[in-house]
Amino acid sequence: MLLTPQARGVYPIAPTPFFDDGRIDTASIDRLVDFYLGIGATGLTVLGQLGEAPKLTHAEGVEVARRMIRRAPTLPVIVGVSAPGFAAMRELTLEVMAAGAAGVMIAPPNTLRTDEQIVGYYWQAVQALGADVPFVIQDYPLTFSVQMTPGVIRRIVDELPSCVMLKHEDWPGLEKISTLRGCEREGSMRHIAILVGNNGLFLDYEMARGADGANTGYAFPDLLCDVVRLSTSGQREAAHDLFDAHLPLLRYEQQPGVGLAVRKYLLRRRGLLSSAAMRAPAAALTATAQAEVEHLLGRLARHDPRARLAPL
């Protein structure tokens, strides 16, 4: 089940569950994957930017990916393989593809500055991993400090057939989606899937611009599935109404530095994680921040019963 340019829907970014002592919590991995299957996710991404992949050993990363792949045999699973060098990237790619991964996601290193450097980097990545491995471009300039213009993305797509998806996380980025889809319509770029990130902050309008779905986190990924489903079925206003109810919590969870702590706290509150622990270095939620999250949950519960969680 290899990833193709026809990928659509929601590919949640799975967090890596830990116990308080830092050990990997495999039971919570299983609960998470079962939950993703139950809400209608069409795929899954592991070892992503908010999967704490750099805090895992190579063996741990492989085992987390293998467990999620085995638990979700009906879903295409994308594995983040970004690494400082191609040797480590290749080793991880070979192991997870052999385990049944559908493809890999590659983020550009923050040393890239020119268009030629960016295109050259992805050429080298394909040479290292193999042209038979489908890959996703992760375009996240707010974190990686690499600016990919539509022209650069078009070159990568056209020169490297194994590129099948763009994880679009530019901000602002609505015009970039429109430009890329315009290139497809005029025949100057082949079709690839465009799934969006940024916690889904702009998902409502990104769908209207031509996105195929979401490839991101959020403690209520079922909301992302709902918005994509409503948008693709023509129920635009219903999608906006539901999205608007979640927007304050989406925004709060998107805070740099503390966002993953918020997400894990909420996933634990939903009964999906045994612990909200992150591996060090990590930012912990203060009592004030927890109170703010609970306040946002209470407000959301007025509009969405999924936020009506048992009191602490």
Protein backbone atom coordinates (compact mmCIF):
# COMPACT_ATOMS: atom_id res chain seq x y z
CA MET A 1 0.00 0.00 0.00
CA LEU A 2 2.30 2.73 -1.28
CA LEU A 3 1.42 6.41 -1.04
CA THR A 4 0.13 7.93 -4.28
CA PRO A 5 -0.67 11.43 -5.57
CA GLN A 6 -4.36 10.57 -5.09
CA ALA A 7 -4.07 10.59 -1.27
CA ARG A 8 -6.96 12.43 0.37
CA GLY A 9 -8.62 12.93 3.74
CA VAL A 10 -6.91 13.20 7.10
CA TYR A 11 -3.54 11.75 8.05
CA PRO A 12 -3.21 12.61 11.76
CA ILE A 13 0.28 13.26 13.08
CA ALA A 14 0.57 10.72 15.88
CA PRO A 15 2.36 11.78 19.06
CA THR A 16 4.75 9.33 20.66
CA PRO A 17 3.27 8.29 24.03
CA PHE A 18 5.61 8.08 27.01
CA PHE A 19 5.24 7.05 30.62
CA ASP A 20 6.29 9.57 33.23
CA ASP A 21 9.72 7.91 33.44
CA GLY A 22 10.33 8.35 29.70
CA ARG A 23 9.63 4.79 28.58
CA ILE A 24 7.52 4.36 25.45
CA ASP A 25 3.90 3.53 26.27
CA THR A 26 2.88 0.86 23.75
CA ALA A 27 -0.63 0.45 25.13
CA SER A 28 -1.31 4.12 24.44
CA ILE A 29 0.06 3.69 20.91
CA ASP A 30 -2.53 0.99 20.34
CA ARG A 31 -5.35 3.13 21.77
CA LEU A 32 -4.35 6.07 19.57
CA VAL A 33 -4.24 4.02 16.40
CA ASP A 34 -7.59 2.39 17.19
CA PHE A 35 -9.04 5.84 17.76
CA TYR A 36 -7.70 7.13 14.42
CA LEU A 37 -9.24 4.15 12.67
CA GLY A 38 -12.56 4.77 14.41
CA ILE A 39 -12.87 8.44 13.46
CA GLY A 40 -12.34 7.82 9.77
CA ALA A 41 -8.72 8.82 9.28
CA THR A 42 -7.55 7.88 5.81
CA GLY A 43 -3.89 7.57 6.73
CA LEU A 44 -1.42 8.19 9.54
CA THR A 45 1.92 9.93 10.00
CA VAL A 46 4.40 8.83 12.65
CA LEU A 47 7.73 10.30 13.78
CA GLY A 48 6.63 13.71 12.59
CA GLN A 49 7.73 17.10 13.88
CA LEU A 50 5.52 16.72 16.97
CA GLY A 51 6.17 13.00 17.35
CA GLU A 52 9.37 13.82 19.29
CA ALA A 53 11.35 11.78 16.79
CA PRO A 54 14.71 13.45 17.60
CA LYS A 55 14.32 12.26 21.20
CA LEU A 56 14.07 8.62 20.16
CA THR A 57 16.93 6.27 19.45
CA HIS A 58 17.01 4.75 15.99
CA ALA A 59 15.76 1.44 17.37
CA GLU A 60 12.93 3.14 19.26
CA GLY A 61 11.84 5.07 16.17
CA VAL A 62 11.72 1.91 14.10
CA GLU A 63 9.75 0.05 16.77
CA VAL A 64 7.20 2.88 17.19
CA ALA A 65 6.69 2.98 13.41
CA ARG A 66 6.40 -0.81 13.18
CA ARG A 67 3.84 -0.97 15.97
CA MET A 68 1.64 1.69 14.38
CA ILE A 69 1.92 0.07 10.95
CA ARG A 70 0.92 -3.32 12.37
CA ARG A 71 -1.97 -1.80 14.31
CA ALA A 72 -3.34 0.00 11.24
CA PRO A 73 -3.05 -2.55 8.42
CA THR A 74 -5.76 -0.81 6.39
CA LEU A 75 -4.20 2.67 6.52
CA PRO A 76 -1.24 4.04 4.57
CA VAL A 77 1.35 5.11 7.14
CA ILE A 78 3.85 7.89 6.38
CA VAL A 79 7.03 7.90 8.46
CA GLY A 80 9.07 11.03 9.08
CA VAL A 81 12.70 10.24 8.25
CA SER A 82 14.30 13.68 8.32
CA ALA A 83 17.86 13.50 9.62
CA PRO A 84 21.09 15.56 9.52
CA GLY A 85 22.62 13.15 7.00
CA PHE A 86 21.44 10.81 4.29
CA ALA A 87 23.03 7.70 5.84
CA ALA A 88 20.71 7.83 8.87
CA MET A 89 17.76 8.79 6.65
CA ARG A 90 18.41 5.83 4.36
CA GLU A 91 18.76 3.34 7.22
CA LEU A 92 15.47 4.41 8.80
CA THR A 93 13.71 4.47 5.42
CA LEU A 94 14.81 0.96 4.50
CA GLU A 95 13.61 -0.43 7.83
CA VAL A 96 10.20 1.24 7.89
CA MET A 97 9.47 0.55 4.23
CA ALA A 98 10.30 -3.10 4.83
CA ALA A 99 7.84 -3.00 7.75
CA GLY A 100 5.04 -1.80 5.47
CA ALA A 101 5.21 2.00 5.49
CA ALA A 102 3.47 3.71 2.58
CA GLY A 103 6.08 6.41 2.16
CA VAL A 104 8.34 8.83 3.98
CA MET A 105 8.25 12.53 4.82
CA ILE A 106 11.36 14.66 4.32
CA ALA A 107 11.87 18.14 5.77
CA PRO A 108 14.60 20.39 4.36
CA PRO A 109 17.55 21.25 6.64
CA ASN A 110 17.65 24.89 7.73
CA THR A 111 20.97 25.43 5.91
CA LEU A 112 19.27 25.60 2.52
CA ARG A 113 18.87 29.10 1.14
CA THR A 114 18.69 29.13 -2.66
CA ASP A 115 16.25 27.42 -4.99
CA GLU A 116 19.05 25.32 -6.46
CA GLN A 117 20.11 24.14 -3.01
CA ILE A 118 16.55 23.09 -2.17
CA VAL A 119 16.01 21.18 -5.41
CA GLY A 120 19.48 19.65 -5.15
CA TYR A 121 18.80 18.46 -1.63
CA TYR A 122 15.70 16.51 -2.67
CA TRP A 123 17.60 15.07 -5.66
CA GLN A 124 20.24 13.76 -3.27
CA ALA A 125 17.59 12.43 -0.89
CA VAL A 126 15.98 10.41 -3.68
CA GLN A 127 19.37 9.07 -4.73
CA ALA A 128 20.01 7.96 -1.14
CA LEU A 129 16.57 6.45 -0.44
CA GLY A 130 15.75 5.04 -3.85
CA ALA A 131 13.43 6.30 -6.56
CA ASP A 132 10.89 3.63 -5.64
CA VAL A 133 10.16 5.20 -2.22
CA PRO A 134 7.23 7.66 -2.33
CA PHE A 135 8.04 10.83 -0.42
CA VAL A 136 6.30 13.86 1.00
CA ILE A 137 7.81 17.35 0.91
CA GLN A 138 7.37 19.04 4.28
CA ASP A 139 7.10 22.76 3.57
CA TYR A 140 7.20 24.41 7.01
CA PRO A 141 9.21 27.64 6.77
CA LEU A 142 8.12 28.88 10.19
CA THR A 143 10.10 26.03 11.77
CA PHE A 144 12.73 25.10 9.19
CA SER A 145 13.48 28.63 7.89
CA VAL A 146 13.49 27.34 4.31
CA GLN A 147 11.35 29.27 1.86
CA MET A 148 9.95 27.06 -0.92
CA THR A 149 8.32 29.03 -3.69
CA PRO A 150 5.67 27.40 -5.87
CA GLY A 151 8.29 27.32 -8.61
CA VAL A 152 10.68 25.27 -6.46
CA ILE A 153 7.92 22.85 -5.48
CA ARG A 154 6.93 22.49 -9.13
CA ARG A 155 10.53 21.64 -10.07
CA ILE A 156 10.81 18.99 -7.35
CA VAL A 157 7.49 17.47 -8.39
CA ASP A 158 8.34 17.39 -12.09
CA GLU A 159 11.97 16.27 -11.75
CA LEU A 160 11.38 13.62 -9.08
CA PRO A 161 8.49 11.25 -9.87
CA SER A 162 8.64 9.69 -6.38
CA CYS A 163 7.35 12.97 -4.92
CA VAL A 164 3.65 12.29 -4.37
CA MET A 165 2.53 14.73 -1.68
CA LEU A 166 3.14 18.20 -0.32
CA LYS A 167 2.65 18.74 3.37
CA HIS A 168 1.74 22.41 3.14
CA GLU A 169 2.51 24.40 6.27
CA ASP A 170 3.44 27.80 4.91
CA TRP A 171 1.76 30.70 6.65
CA PRO A 172 0.28 32.65 5.02
CA GLY A 173 -0.06 29.98 2.39
CA LEU A 174 -3.49 30.12 0.80
CA GLU A 175 -2.16 31.74 -2.36
CA LYS A 176 0.53 29.06 -2.66
CA ILE A 177 -2.14 26.35 -2.81
CA SER A 178 -4.04 28.31 -5.46
CA THR A 179 -0.86 28.82 -7.49
CA LEU A 180 0.08 25.14 -7.41
CA ARG A 181 -3.41 24.02 -8.39
CA GLY A 182 -3.35 26.61 -11.16
CA CYS A 183 -0.11 25.09 -12.46
CA GLU A 184 -1.85 21.71 -12.55
CA ARG A 185 -4.82 23.09 -14.49
CA GLU A 186 -2.59 24.72 -17.10
CA GLY A 187 -0.55 21.53 -17.45
CA SER A 188 2.77 22.87 -16.17
CA MET A 189 2.83 20.56 -13.13
CA ARG A 190 1.57 17.03 -12.60
CA HIS A 191 -0.97 16.40 -9.87
CA ILE A 192 0.20 15.65 -6.34
CA ALA A 193 -1.74 15.44 -3.10
CA ILE A 194 -1.70 18.58 -0.96
CA LEU A 195 -2.44 17.96 2.70
CA VAL A 196 -2.12 20.83 5.13
CA GLY A 197 -0.56 21.24 8.56
CA ASN A 198 -0.25 24.14 11.01
CA ASN A 199 -2.63 22.40 13.42
CA GLY A 200 -5.38 22.91 10.86
CA LEU A 201 -5.55 26.63 11.64
CA PHE A 202 -6.57 27.49 8.07
CA LEU A 203 -8.14 24.17 7.08
CA ASP A 204 -11.55 25.68 6.35
CA TYR A 205 -10.25 27.92 3.55
CA GLU A 206 -7.39 25.64 2.52
CA MET A 207 -9.96 23.04 1.48
CA ALA A 208 -11.68 25.64 -0.69
CA ARG A 209 -8.33 26.53 -2.29
CA GLY A 210 -7.73 22.96 -3.43
CA ALA A 211 -6.20 21.09 -0.52
CA ASP A 212 -7.01 17.38 -0.38
CA GLY A 213 -7.18 17.22 3.39
CA ALA A 214 -5.08 17.56 6.52
CA ASN A 215 -1.79 16.05 7.66
CA THR A 216 -1.45 17.52 11.11
CA GLY A 217 -2.12 17.01 14.78
CA TYR A 218 -4.66 18.56 17.17
CA ALA A 219 -6.15 16.86 20.20
CA PHE A 220 -9.48 16.54 18.36
CA PRO A 221 -8.42 15.00 15.04
CA ASP A 222 -12.03 13.88 14.66
CA LEU A 223 -12.81 17.56 14.09
CA LEU A 224 -10.32 17.62 11.21
CA CYS A 225 -12.06 14.59 9.69
CA ASP A 226 -15.42 16.30 10.04
CA VAL A 227 -14.26 19.53 8.39
CA VAL A 228 -12.71 17.67 5.46
CA ARG A 229 -15.81 15.50 5.04
CA LEU A 230 -18.20 18.44 5.18
CA SER A 231 -16.06 20.52 2.84
CA THR A 232 -15.74 17.81 0.20
CA SER A 233 -19.46 17.07 0.34
CA GLY A 234 -20.38 20.68 -0.36
CA GLN A 235 -21.55 21.53 3.18
CA ARG A 236 -19.31 24.56 3.40
CA GLU A 237 -21.19 26.55 6.03
CA ALA A 238 -21.56 23.53 8.31
CA ALA A 239 -17.81 22.98 8.01
CA HIS A 240 -17.14 26.62 8.96
CA ASP A 241 -19.55 26.52 11.90
CA LEU A 242 -17.90 23.46 13.41
CA PHE A 243 -14.41 24.76 12.67
CA ASP A 244 -15.20 28.12 14.27
CA ALA A 245 -16.21 26.41 17.51
CA HIS A 246 -12.81 24.70 17.72
CA LEU A 247 -10.69 27.62 16.56
CA PRO A 248 -9.86 29.07 20.02
CA LEU A 249 -8.56 25.69 21.20
CA LEU A 250 -6.75 25.08 17.90
CA ARG A 251 -5.04 28.44 18.29
CA TYR A 252 -4.06 27.76 21.89
CA GLU A 253 -2.60 24.37 21.00
CA GLN A 254 -0.56 25.87 18.16
CA GLN A 255 1.63 27.92 20.49
CA PRO A 256 5.33 27.36 19.76
CA GLY A 257 7.19 25.54 22.49
CA VAL A 258 4.21 24.52 24.60
CA GLY A 259 1.82 23.29 21.91
CA LEU A 260 2.71 19.60 22.18
CA ALA A 261 2.31 19.76 25.95
CA VAL A 262 -1.21 21.11 25.42
CA ARG A 263 -2.00 18.39 22.88
CA LYS A 264 -0.75 15.58 25.10
CA TYR A 265 -2.62 17.00 28.09
CA LEU A 266 -5.85 16.98 26.07
CA LEU A 267 -5.24 13.50 24.66
CA ARG A 268 -4.75 12.25 28.19
CA ARG A 269 -7.96 13.99 29.22
CA ARG A 270 -9.71 12.17 26.37
CA GLY A 271 -8.42 8.84 27.71
CA LEU A 272 -6.13 8.14 24.76
CA LEU A 273 -2.82 8.60 26.56
CA SER A 274 -1.91 7.17 29.97
CA SER A 275 0.35 10.15 30.61
CA ALA A 276 0.90 13.57 29.10
CA ALA A 277 4.66 13.14 29.56
CA MET A 278 7.17 14.38 27.02
CA ARG A 279 10.82 13.44 26.87
CA ALA A 280 13.30 16.08 27.95
CA PRO A 281 13.99 18.69 26.90
CA ALA A 282 10.35 19.64 27.15
CA ALA A 283 8.09 22.45 28.31
CA ALA A 284 5.57 21.55 30.99
CA LEU A 285 2.15 23.12 31.35
CA THR A 286 1.83 25.44 34.30
CA ALA A 287 -1.23 25.32 36.53
CA THR A 288 -2.38 28.55 34.92
CA ALA A 289 -2.08 27.10 31.42
CA GLN A 290 -3.99 23.97 32.46
CA ALA A 291 -6.77 26.16 33.82
CA GLU A 292 -6.91 28.04 30.51
CA VAL A 293 -7.14 24.79 28.57
CA GLU A 294 -9.96 23.61 30.83
CA HIS A 295 -11.74 26.91 30.27
CA LEU A 296 -11.45 26.48 26.51
CA LEU A 297 -12.73 22.91 26.79
CA GLY A 298 -15.75 24.11 28.70
CA ARG A 299 -16.54 26.72 26.08
CA LEU A 300 -16.07 24.20 23.26
CA ALA A 301 -18.39 21.74 25.00
CA ARG A 302 -21.27 24.19 24.44
CA HIS A 303 -21.00 23.45 20.71
CA ASP A 304 -19.35 20.03 20.47
CA PRO A 305 -20.23 17.22 22.92
CA ARG A 306 -16.85 15.56 22.33
CA ALA A 307 -15.34 18.23 24.54
CA ARG A 308 -17.57 17.28 27.50
CA LEU A 309 -14.90 15.42 29.42
CA ALA A 310 -15.13 14.04 32.91
CA PRO A 311 -13.96 16.50 35.58
CA LEU A 312 -10.40 16.16 36.80
